[in-house]
Amino acid sequence: MRWIIVLLSILFIASAAFSQELTVEEAVRLALGRNPIVKEALHGLNAQKYREKHAFTKLLPQITFDYTYTHLKEEPYSRFHFDTSNLPFPINFPNKVKVGEHQDVKWDIQATWPIFTGFYLETLRKIEKVGIDVYKFKRKASDISVAYAARVAYYSVLMAQRSLDTAEESVRQLKAHLKDAESLYKNGLVPYNDVLKAKVALARAVEIETRAREALETAWVNLNLVIKSDNLFTHYELKSPLSIINTRLLSLPELYRLSLSERPDIKAMERGVEQARLGVKVAKSRYYPWITLFSRYEQHGDNLLANNNDYTNRENFAVGVKVNFLIFDWFGRKYQVHEARSTSLMWESKLEELKDQTRLEVQKAYASVKVALKNISTAKAAVAHAREDLRITRLQYSQHIVSSSDVIDSEEAYIEARNNYNEALYQYHIALSELARACGLIDIKRVLCKGGKENGQG
């Protein structure tokens, strides 16, 4: 029994030691499959499909059934008065005639079919049908937003991990410097101030390390929230490195054309313009006569089934046509048409504004990627310079040429250079993801030139 417990403990520790692997594209896939924003867009699309089907039913005949039961306190009758004074012989007529029973029951089945409504119902259905396309593009827009959020969350974890690594290295180096300072102080080679400065710098580095560790945990929680993980504190082995993917982008004109053809919000707005134009046709429908065909079967009696009637027709059937033509409404129809036309023009203006905004977003994201690439090159060189400066400063400190403050300054400059380099790599990935979103794409590779230079920096 004891060896079984030991074996289970080993398996548990081994499973905890080997965390699940996760690439950035897998994170995007998980987010798209689980995120409630995507599900919300899907439910909205389904609701719009049902609205379109409901609009189609308005074009078909509608069948209604009515049933009315009435109980009268007194039997209904009619009064008659005849003047018999001029007749050669008197005749007596009853002055009240019974025309019904205490119970009065009526029911009917009626079918109505709008044959012509000035294209009103047909146009309403077209508007709802176009609305399906609008919701399809809204769903795609939500997919793009979720994919962007997943990439940002993924690279934020990588950035937080690097920040923690840098902070831990800073603590290790300052501990080593403190040890050197104490050794030199014991030998009477440096003043006690050097030891105090080293302790202060170490305390500050430990504080930064603690904040970096907490920031990493927050980044993990954010990633798990985006991909809807069952455990918010799950840690993965992130396989997509924080490095340059490709240094070559499509040209700005190509990116402009790509964004205008791919952006789902632009396509949705174009369908909105189409709906607004159809709204003008709806407003004009009242200039036409509306024609409705109807038929009705009815029964009228004194029992619950209305199949017994000694006074009037027990049943009847009718077929007819109803024509409704609005002759004058104090120019109400005219104002509705003008309103619909103005609304259509407003949507066209919004579409042009959105296209201009899209071009600006592409321009900003493109510039951000270019700036990040330049910053990566500059920051990488700065890291090399700061590392060499730190090495020389430590050597000089051991030879009593410089003070402890110089070593601490060099250490802080090196850590800052490393953080700047990591930040440049992080901003590169964020800007690249932003560029893909500005172009209406989920796959960021489509904004890159094929055969671009692969670079494993990082």
Protein backbone atom coordinates (compact mmCIF):
# COMPACT_ATOMS: atom_id res chain seq x y z
CA MET A 1 0.00 0.00 0.00
CA ARG A 2 2.83 2.36 0.84
CA TRP A 3 4.49 1.95 -2.55
CA ILE A 4 1.17 2.79 -4.30
CA ILE A 5 0.96 6.07 -2.39
CA VAL A 6 4.56 6.86 -3.28
CA LEU A 7 3.89 6.09 -6.96
CA LEU A 8 0.81 8.29 -7.03
CA SER A 9 2.74 11.11 -5.39
CA ILE A 10 5.50 10.84 -8.00
CA LEU A 11 2.94 10.90 -10.82
CA PHE A 12 1.24 13.95 -9.33
CA ILE A 13 4.53 15.82 -8.97
CA ALA A 14 5.53 14.86 -12.52
CA SER A 15 2.21 16.04 -13.97
CA ALA A 16 2.58 19.36 -12.14
CA ALA A 17 6.15 19.75 -13.33
CA PHE A 18 5.29 19.36 -17.01
CA SER A 19 2.88 22.14 -17.89
CA GLN A 20 0.77 22.17 -21.02
CA GLU A 21 2.29 23.74 -24.10
CA LEU A 22 0.55 26.69 -25.74
CA THR A 23 1.36 28.69 -28.86
CA VAL A 24 -0.11 32.08 -29.69
CA GLU A 25 -2.22 30.61 -32.50
CA GLU A 26 -3.57 27.95 -30.14
CA ALA A 27 -4.47 30.70 -27.68
CA VAL A 28 -6.35 32.50 -30.46
CA ARG A 29 -8.16 29.29 -31.42
CA LEU A 30 -9.18 28.61 -27.82
CA ALA A 31 -10.41 32.18 -27.37
CA LEU A 32 -12.47 32.05 -30.56
CA GLY A 33 -14.05 28.79 -29.48
CA ARG A 34 -14.85 29.75 -25.89
CA ASN A 35 -15.07 33.52 -25.51
CA PRO A 36 -18.61 34.79 -24.72
CA ILE A 37 -18.19 37.75 -27.07
CA VAL A 38 -18.03 35.33 -30.01
CA LYS A 39 -21.03 33.40 -28.68
CA GLU A 40 -22.96 36.65 -28.29
CA ALA A 41 -22.30 37.53 -31.94
CA LEU A 42 -23.43 34.06 -33.02
CA HIS A 43 -26.69 34.35 -31.08
CA GLY A 44 -27.27 37.78 -32.62
CA LEU A 45 -26.82 36.28 -36.09
CA ASN A 46 -29.32 33.50 -35.33
CA ALA A 47 -31.83 36.04 -34.02
CA GLN A 48 -31.51 38.07 -37.24
CA LYS A 49 -32.13 34.94 -39.33
CA TYR A 50 -35.38 34.37 -37.44
CA ARG A 51 -36.38 38.01 -37.99
CA GLU A 52 -35.91 37.52 -41.72
CA LYS A 53 -38.09 34.39 -41.64
CA HIS A 54 -40.73 36.27 -39.68
CA ALA A 55 -40.73 39.05 -42.29
CA PHE A 56 -41.26 36.43 -45.02
CA THR A 57 -44.36 35.05 -43.26
CA LYS A 58 -46.01 38.48 -43.61
CA LEU A 59 -46.15 37.87 -47.38
CA LEU A 60 -48.21 34.70 -46.94
CA PRO A 61 -51.91 34.30 -46.16
CA GLN A 62 -52.77 34.68 -42.49
CA ILE A 63 -55.48 32.46 -40.99
CA THR A 64 -57.31 33.53 -37.85
CA PHE A 65 -60.05 31.93 -35.75
CA ASP A 66 -62.51 33.90 -33.61
CA TYR A 67 -65.01 32.48 -31.13
CA THR A 68 -67.52 34.55 -29.15
CA TYR A 69 -69.93 33.30 -26.50
CA THR A 70 -72.58 35.65 -25.08
CA HIS A 71 -75.25 34.89 -22.49
CA LEU A 72 -78.21 37.32 -22.47
CA LYS A 73 -80.34 37.97 -19.41
CA GLU A 74 -83.48 38.30 -21.55
CA GLU A 75 -84.35 36.75 -24.85
CA PRO A 76 -83.86 39.24 -27.69
CA TYR A 77 -86.96 40.44 -29.52
CA SER A 78 -88.11 43.07 -32.04
CA ARG A 79 -91.15 45.36 -31.78
CA PHE A 80 -93.59 45.86 -34.66
CA HIS A 81 -96.52 48.27 -34.87
CA PHE A 82 -99.27 47.95 -37.51
CA ASP A 83 -102.18 50.42 -37.94
CA THR A 84 -105.31 48.33 -38.69
CA SER A 85 -107.92 51.05 -38.15
CA ASN A 86 -108.53 51.50 -41.89
CA LEU A 87 -109.01 47.80 -42.56
CA PRO A 88 -112.58 46.47 -43.04
CA PHE A 89 -112.02 43.91 -40.35
CA PRO A 90 -109.77 43.99 -37.30
CA ILE A 91 -106.54 41.99 -37.33
CA ASN A 92 -104.40 41.41 -34.29
CA PHE A 93 -100.60 41.26 -34.76
CA PRO A 94 -98.13 40.58 -31.95
CA ASN A 95 -96.13 43.72 -31.22
CA LYS A 96 -93.06 41.73 -29.99
CA VAL A 97 -91.33 39.07 -32.05
CA LYS A 98 -88.61 36.80 -30.59
CA VAL A 99 -85.41 36.92 -32.67
CA GLY A 100 -82.98 34.83 -30.60
CA GLU A 101 -82.18 32.78 -27.51
CA HIS A 102 -80.47 33.52 -24.22
CA GLN A 103 -77.24 32.04 -25.58
CA ASP A 104 -75.64 33.66 -28.59
CA VAL A 105 -72.55 31.95 -30.06
CA LYS A 106 -70.50 33.05 -33.06
CA TRP A 107 -67.30 31.69 -34.55
CA ASP A 108 -65.52 32.23 -37.81
CA ILE A 109 -62.33 31.29 -39.68
CA GLN A 110 -60.85 34.05 -41.81
CA ALA A 111 -57.93 34.06 -44.25
CA THR A 112 -56.34 37.32 -45.37
CA TRP A 113 -53.67 37.66 -48.04
CA PRO A 114 -51.92 40.99 -48.73
CA ILE A 115 -51.68 40.81 -52.51
CA PHE A 116 -50.13 44.25 -52.97
CA THR A 117 -48.80 46.65 -50.32
CA GLY A 118 -46.86 49.11 -52.46
CA PHE A 119 -43.76 46.86 -52.10
CA TYR A 120 -43.85 47.51 -48.36
CA LEU A 121 -43.72 43.91 -47.11
CA GLU A 122 -41.33 42.77 -49.85
CA THR A 123 -38.92 45.58 -49.01
CA LEU A 124 -39.11 44.89 -45.28
CA ARG A 125 -38.07 41.32 -45.97
CA LYS A 126 -35.15 42.52 -48.10
CA ILE A 127 -34.04 44.80 -45.25
CA GLU A 128 -34.04 41.87 -42.82
CA LYS A 129 -32.24 39.70 -45.36
CA VAL A 130 -29.51 42.32 -45.70
CA GLY A 131 -29.45 42.44 -41.90
CA ILE A 132 -28.22 38.82 -41.90
CA ASP A 133 -25.11 39.94 -43.77
CA VAL A 134 -24.69 42.78 -41.27
CA TYR A 135 -24.67 40.34 -38.37
CA LYS A 136 -22.28 38.01 -40.21
CA PHE A 137 -19.80 40.87 -40.48
CA LYS A 138 -20.42 41.82 -36.85
CA ARG A 139 -19.57 38.26 -35.88
CA LYS A 140 -16.36 38.44 -37.89
CA ALA A 141 -15.51 41.75 -36.22
CA SER A 142 -15.96 40.14 -32.81
CA ASP A 143 -13.68 37.27 -33.90
CA ILE A 144 -11.00 39.79 -34.86
CA SER A 145 -11.31 41.62 -31.55
CA VAL A 146 -11.10 38.39 -29.57
CA ALA A 147 -8.08 37.20 -31.58
CA TYR A 148 -6.36 40.53 -30.92
CA ALA A 149 -7.13 40.29 -27.19
CA ALA A 150 -5.74 36.74 -27.10
CA ARG A 151 -2.49 37.82 -28.77
CA VAL A 152 -2.08 40.79 -26.43
CA ALA A 153 -2.72 38.57 -23.39
CA TYR A 154 -0.27 35.95 -24.66
CA TYR A 155 2.56 38.38 -25.33
CA SER A 156 1.82 40.20 -22.06
CA VAL A 157 2.65 36.98 -20.23
CA LEU A 158 5.89 36.65 -22.19
CA MET A 159 6.73 40.27 -21.43
CA ALA A 160 5.96 39.78 -17.74
CA GLN A 161 8.15 36.68 -17.66
CA ARG A 162 11.06 38.58 -19.18
CA SER A 163 10.56 41.44 -16.76
CA LEU A 164 10.68 38.97 -13.88
CA ASP A 165 13.82 37.31 -15.30
CA THR A 166 15.49 40.70 -15.56
CA ALA A 167 14.45 41.63 -12.03
CA GLU A 168 15.76 38.32 -10.66
CA GLU A 169 19.07 38.84 -12.47
CA SER A 170 19.30 42.34 -11.01
CA VAL A 171 18.81 40.92 -7.51
CA ARG A 172 21.51 38.28 -8.08
CA GLN A 173 23.99 40.83 -9.38
CA LEU A 174 23.34 43.28 -6.56
CA LYS A 175 23.71 40.50 -3.99
CA ALA A 176 27.10 39.70 -5.53
CA HIS A 177 28.01 43.39 -5.46
CA LEU A 178 26.96 43.65 -1.81
CA LYS A 179 29.15 40.68 -0.99
CA ASP A 180 32.10 42.32 -2.77
CA ALA A 181 31.50 45.61 -0.99
CA GLU A 182 31.37 43.93 2.42
CA SER A 183 34.56 42.01 1.67
CA LEU A 184 36.39 45.16 0.60
CA TYR A 185 35.05 47.03 3.63
CA LYS A 186 36.33 44.34 6.00
CA ASN A 187 39.74 44.72 4.40
CA GLY A 188 39.54 48.48 4.87
CA LEU A 189 39.64 49.20 1.15
CA VAL A 190 36.27 50.98 0.80
CA PRO A 191 34.17 53.09 3.18
CA TYR A 192 31.04 51.74 4.87
CA ASN A 193 28.97 54.01 2.62
CA ASP A 194 29.59 51.58 -0.24
CA VAL A 195 28.02 48.78 1.78
CA LEU A 196 24.99 50.92 2.66
CA LYS A 197 24.48 51.99 -0.97
CA ALA A 198 24.65 48.36 -2.08
CA LYS A 199 22.03 47.37 0.53
CA VAL A 200 19.69 50.18 -0.54
CA ALA A 201 20.05 49.20 -4.20
CA LEU A 202 19.41 45.54 -3.35
CA ALA A 203 16.28 46.40 -1.37
CA ARG A 204 14.97 48.42 -4.30
CA ALA A 205 15.71 45.51 -6.68
CA VAL A 206 13.90 43.05 -4.41
CA GLU A 207 10.87 45.35 -4.38
CA ILE A 208 10.91 45.51 -8.19
CA GLU A 209 11.20 41.71 -8.32
CA THR A 210 8.14 41.33 -6.08
CA ARG A 211 6.07 43.65 -8.28
CA ALA A 212 7.25 41.80 -11.40
CA ARG A 213 6.19 38.47 -9.89
CA GLU A 214 2.73 39.81 -9.08
CA ALA A 215 2.45 41.33 -12.55
CA LEU A 216 3.23 37.93 -14.05
CA GLU A 217 0.48 36.26 -12.03
CA THR A 218 -1.97 38.95 -13.15
CA ALA A 219 -0.91 38.39 -16.76
CA TRP A 220 -1.55 34.64 -16.39
CA VAL A 221 -5.02 35.31 -14.99
CA ASN A 222 -5.78 37.67 -17.86
CA LEU A 223 -4.68 35.08 -20.44
CA ASN A 224 -6.79 32.37 -18.81
CA LEU A 225 -9.78 34.72 -18.79
CA VAL A 226 -9.40 35.46 -22.50
CA ILE A 227 -9.10 31.79 -23.50
CA LYS A 228 -11.76 30.85 -20.88
CA SER A 229 -9.60 28.33 -19.08
CA ASP A 230 -11.25 26.32 -16.31
CA ASN A 231 -8.49 27.32 -13.91
CA LEU A 232 -7.57 31.01 -13.85
CA PHE A 233 -4.18 30.22 -12.33
CA THR A 234 -3.09 27.68 -14.94
CA HIS A 235 0.46 28.18 -16.21
CA TYR A 236 1.39 27.03 -19.70
CA GLU A 237 4.67 26.47 -21.44
CA LEU A 238 4.49 29.27 -24.01
CA LYS A 239 6.09 28.06 -27.23
CA SER A 240 5.80 31.21 -29.35
CA PRO A 241 8.87 33.33 -28.51
CA LEU A 242 8.95 37.07 -28.03
CA SER A 243 11.02 37.60 -31.17
CA ILE A 244 10.80 39.20 -34.59
CA ILE A 245 8.56 37.26 -36.98
CA ASN A 246 9.23 39.14 -40.19
CA THR A 247 10.85 42.48 -40.91
CA ARG A 248 9.06 43.07 -44.22
CA LEU A 249 5.51 44.44 -44.37
CA LEU A 250 3.20 45.00 -47.27
CA SER A 251 3.35 48.53 -48.65
CA LEU A 252 0.93 51.11 -47.31
CA PRO A 253 -1.15 51.23 -50.53
CA GLU A 254 -1.48 47.45 -50.39
CA LEU A 255 -2.49 47.61 -46.75
CA TYR A 256 -5.06 50.32 -47.53
CA ARG A 257 -6.62 48.18 -50.25
CA LEU A 258 -6.55 45.14 -48.01
CA SER A 259 -8.27 46.92 -45.14
CA LEU A 260 -11.00 48.43 -47.33
CA SER A 261 -11.77 45.01 -48.79
CA GLU A 262 -11.49 42.97 -45.58
CA ARG A 263 -12.69 45.16 -42.71
CA PRO A 264 -15.98 43.64 -41.49
CA ASP A 265 -17.20 46.93 -40.01
CA ILE A 266 -16.84 48.58 -43.43
CA LYS A 267 -18.78 45.75 -45.07
CA ALA A 268 -21.42 45.96 -42.36
CA MET A 269 -21.67 49.71 -42.92
CA GLU A 270 -22.07 49.14 -46.68
CA ARG A 271 -24.98 46.83 -45.94
CA GLY A 272 -26.34 49.49 -43.60
CA VAL A 273 -26.30 51.97 -46.50
CA GLU A 274 -28.20 49.41 -48.57
CA GLN A 275 -30.78 49.04 -45.81
CA ALA A 276 -31.19 52.83 -45.61
CA ARG A 277 -31.80 53.01 -49.36
CA LEU A 278 -34.42 50.31 -49.06
CA GLY A 279 -35.98 52.43 -46.32
CA VAL A 280 -36.77 55.07 -48.97
CA LYS A 281 -38.74 52.43 -50.88
CA VAL A 282 -40.62 51.55 -47.70
CA ALA A 283 -41.57 55.21 -47.18
CA LYS A 284 -42.88 55.43 -50.75
CA SER A 285 -45.14 52.43 -50.30
CA ARG A 286 -48.03 54.57 -48.99
CA TYR A 287 -48.29 56.27 -52.38
CA TYR A 288 -49.75 53.03 -53.74
CA PRO A 289 -53.11 51.38 -53.00
CA TRP A 290 -52.90 48.40 -50.66
CA ILE A 291 -54.94 45.41 -51.83
CA THR A 292 -55.92 42.56 -49.53
CA LEU A 293 -57.81 39.42 -50.51
CA PHE A 294 -59.90 37.81 -47.77
CA SER A 295 -62.26 34.89 -47.28
CA ARG A 296 -64.35 33.99 -44.25
CA TYR A 297 -66.47 31.07 -43.08
CA GLU A 298 -68.76 31.74 -40.09
CA GLN A 299 -71.40 30.03 -37.97
CA HIS A 300 -74.00 31.63 -35.69
CA GLY A 301 -76.24 29.74 -33.28
CA ASP A 302 -77.57 29.27 -29.78
CA ASN A 303 -75.40 26.35 -28.63
CA LEU A 304 -71.69 25.98 -27.98
CA LEU A 305 -70.95 24.71 -31.49
CA ALA A 306 -73.13 27.42 -33.06
CA ASN A 307 -74.78 24.80 -35.29
CA ASN A 308 -78.41 25.47 -34.28
CA ASN A 309 -80.14 28.70 -35.37
CA ASP A 310 -83.91 29.12 -35.86
CA TYR A 311 -83.79 32.83 -36.56
CA THR A 312 -80.95 33.74 -38.97
CA ASN A 313 -78.40 32.02 -41.20
CA ARG A 314 -76.68 29.24 -39.28
CA GLU A 315 -73.58 29.46 -41.48
CA ASN A 316 -72.20 31.64 -44.22
CA PHE A 317 -69.16 32.02 -46.44
CA ALA A 318 -67.74 35.22 -47.89
CA VAL A 319 -64.96 36.15 -50.29
CA GLY A 320 -63.86 39.71 -50.89
CA VAL A 321 -61.21 42.22 -51.80
CA LYS A 322 -60.25 45.21 -49.68
CA VAL A 323 -58.56 48.23 -51.22
CA ASN A 324 -56.99 50.83 -48.97
CA PHE A 325 -55.73 53.98 -50.65
CA LEU A 326 -54.45 56.94 -48.65
CA ILE A 327 -55.57 60.02 -50.55
CA PHE A 328 -54.33 62.86 -48.35
CA ASP A 329 -52.41 62.90 -45.06
CA TRP A 330 -51.21 66.51 -44.86
CA PHE A 331 -47.94 65.65 -46.66
CA GLY A 332 -47.03 63.02 -44.04
CA ARG A 333 -45.86 60.57 -46.72
CA LYS A 334 -43.70 63.24 -48.34
CA TYR A 335 -41.97 63.99 -45.06
CA GLN A 336 -41.34 60.29 -44.44
CA VAL A 337 -39.70 59.94 -47.86
CA HIS A 338 -37.49 62.97 -47.21
CA GLU A 339 -36.55 61.56 -43.81
CA ALA A 340 -35.62 58.21 -45.36
CA ARG A 341 -33.51 59.89 -48.03
CA SER A 342 -31.71 61.99 -45.42
CA THR A 343 -31.05 58.86 -43.37
CA SER A 344 -29.60 57.15 -46.43
CA LEU A 345 -27.28 60.09 -47.09
CA MET A 346 -26.27 60.10 -43.42
CA TRP A 347 -25.24 56.43 -43.64
CA GLU A 348 -23.25 57.12 -46.80
CA SER A 349 -21.39 59.89 -44.97
CA LYS A 350 -20.72 57.54 -42.05
CA LEU A 351 -19.31 55.00 -44.50
CA GLU A 352 -16.87 57.53 -45.94
CA GLU A 353 -15.89 58.60 -42.44
CA LEU A 354 -15.25 54.98 -41.45
CA LYS A 355 -13.06 54.41 -44.50
CA ASP A 356 -10.98 57.48 -43.64
CA GLN A 357 -10.71 56.31 -40.04
CA THR A 358 -9.61 52.88 -41.27
CA ARG A 359 -6.84 54.38 -43.39
CA LEU A 360 -5.65 56.36 -40.36
CA GLU A 361 -5.66 53.26 -38.15
CA VAL A 362 -3.64 51.34 -40.74
CA GLN A 363 -1.19 54.23 -41.02
CA LYS A 364 -0.74 54.40 -37.23
CA ALA A 365 -0.29 50.64 -36.85
CA TYR A 366 2.12 50.51 -39.79
CA ALA A 367 4.20 53.33 -38.27
CA SER A 368 4.14 51.59 -34.88
CA VAL A 369 5.55 48.39 -36.39
CA LYS A 370 8.30 50.34 -38.15
CA VAL A 371 9.16 52.27 -35.00
CA ALA A 372 9.24 49.04 -32.97
CA LEU A 373 11.61 47.42 -35.46
CA LYS A 374 13.98 50.38 -35.24
CA ASN A 375 13.73 50.40 -31.45
CA ILE A 376 14.56 46.70 -31.33
CA SER A 377 17.77 47.28 -33.27
CA THR A 378 18.71 50.29 -31.13
CA ALA A 379 17.81 48.59 -27.85
CA LYS A 380 19.75 45.45 -28.74
CA ALA A 381 22.90 47.50 -29.30
CA ALA A 382 22.23 49.38 -26.05
CA VAL A 383 22.05 46.07 -24.15
CA ALA A 384 25.45 45.05 -25.52
CA HIS A 385 26.96 48.42 -24.58
CA ALA A 386 25.43 48.38 -21.10
CA ARG A 387 26.62 44.82 -20.48
CA GLU A 388 30.17 45.73 -21.43
CA ASP A 389 30.03 48.91 -19.35
CA LEU A 390 28.87 46.89 -16.34
CA ARG A 391 31.71 44.40 -16.80
CA ILE A 392 34.31 47.16 -16.97
CA THR A 393 32.82 49.02 -13.99
CA ARG A 394 32.89 45.89 -11.83
CA LEU A 395 36.50 45.29 -12.78
CA GLN A 396 37.36 48.90 -11.93
CA TYR A 397 35.55 48.60 -8.59
CA SER A 398 37.61 45.55 -7.69
CA GLN A 399 40.69 47.65 -8.45
CA HIS A 400 39.35 50.57 -6.33
CA ILE A 401 39.13 52.90 -9.34
CA VAL A 402 35.38 53.61 -9.09
CA SER A 403 32.91 53.74 -6.21
CA SER A 404 29.91 51.54 -5.35
CA SER A 405 27.60 54.18 -6.79
CA ASP A 406 29.21 53.73 -10.20
CA VAL A 407 28.62 49.98 -10.07
CA ILE A 408 24.98 50.49 -9.05
CA ASP A 409 24.47 53.05 -11.82
CA SER A 410 25.94 50.67 -14.38
CA GLU A 411 23.77 47.86 -13.05
CA GLU A 412 20.62 50.00 -13.31
CA ALA A 413 21.60 51.14 -16.82
CA TYR A 414 22.04 47.50 -17.89
CA ILE A 415 18.68 46.45 -16.41
CA GLU A 416 16.97 49.44 -18.06
CA ALA A 417 18.53 48.55 -21.40
CA ARG A 418 17.28 44.97 -21.11
CA ASN A 419 13.79 46.16 -20.18
CA ASN A 420 13.79 48.58 -23.11
CA TYR A 421 14.77 45.76 -25.45
CA ASN A 422 12.02 43.48 -24.14
CA GLU A 423 9.54 46.35 -24.33
CA ALA A 424 10.51 46.99 -27.96
CA LEU A 425 9.92 43.32 -28.83
CA TYR A 426 6.59 43.39 -27.00
CA GLN A 427 5.49 46.58 -28.76
CA TYR A 428 6.48 45.04 -32.09
CA HIS A 429 4.08 42.12 -31.57
CA ILE A 430 1.32 44.37 -30.26
CA ALA A 431 1.73 46.76 -33.22
CA LEU A 432 1.73 43.84 -35.65
CA SER A 433 -1.46 42.49 -34.08
CA GLU A 434 -2.97 45.98 -34.22
CA LEU A 435 -2.06 46.24 -37.90
CA ALA A 436 -3.80 42.94 -38.62
CA ARG A 437 -6.88 44.13 -36.73
CA ALA A 438 -6.84 47.47 -38.58
CA CYS A 439 -6.83 45.51 -41.85
CA GLY A 440 -9.72 43.31 -40.70
CA LEU A 441 -7.64 40.14 -40.44
CA ILE A 442 -7.22 37.39 -37.88
CA ASP A 443 -4.09 35.95 -39.47
CA ILE A 444 -1.23 38.46 -39.03
CA LYS A 445 0.83 36.72 -41.73
CA ARG A 446 -1.35 38.35 -44.38
CA VAL A 447 0.13 41.78 -43.62
CA LEU A 448 3.65 40.44 -44.10
CA CYS A 449 5.55 39.94 -47.32
CA LYS A 450 6.12 36.33 -48.26
CA GLY A 451 9.70 35.22 -47.94
CA GLY A 452 10.46 37.98 -45.45
CA LYS A 453 13.54 37.74 -43.30
CA GLU A 454 13.09 35.47 -40.32
CA ASN A 455 14.88 36.66 -37.26
CA GLY A 456 15.29 34.74 -34.03
CA GLN A 457 16.28 37.69 -31.88
CA GLY A 458 15.20 37.63 -28.32
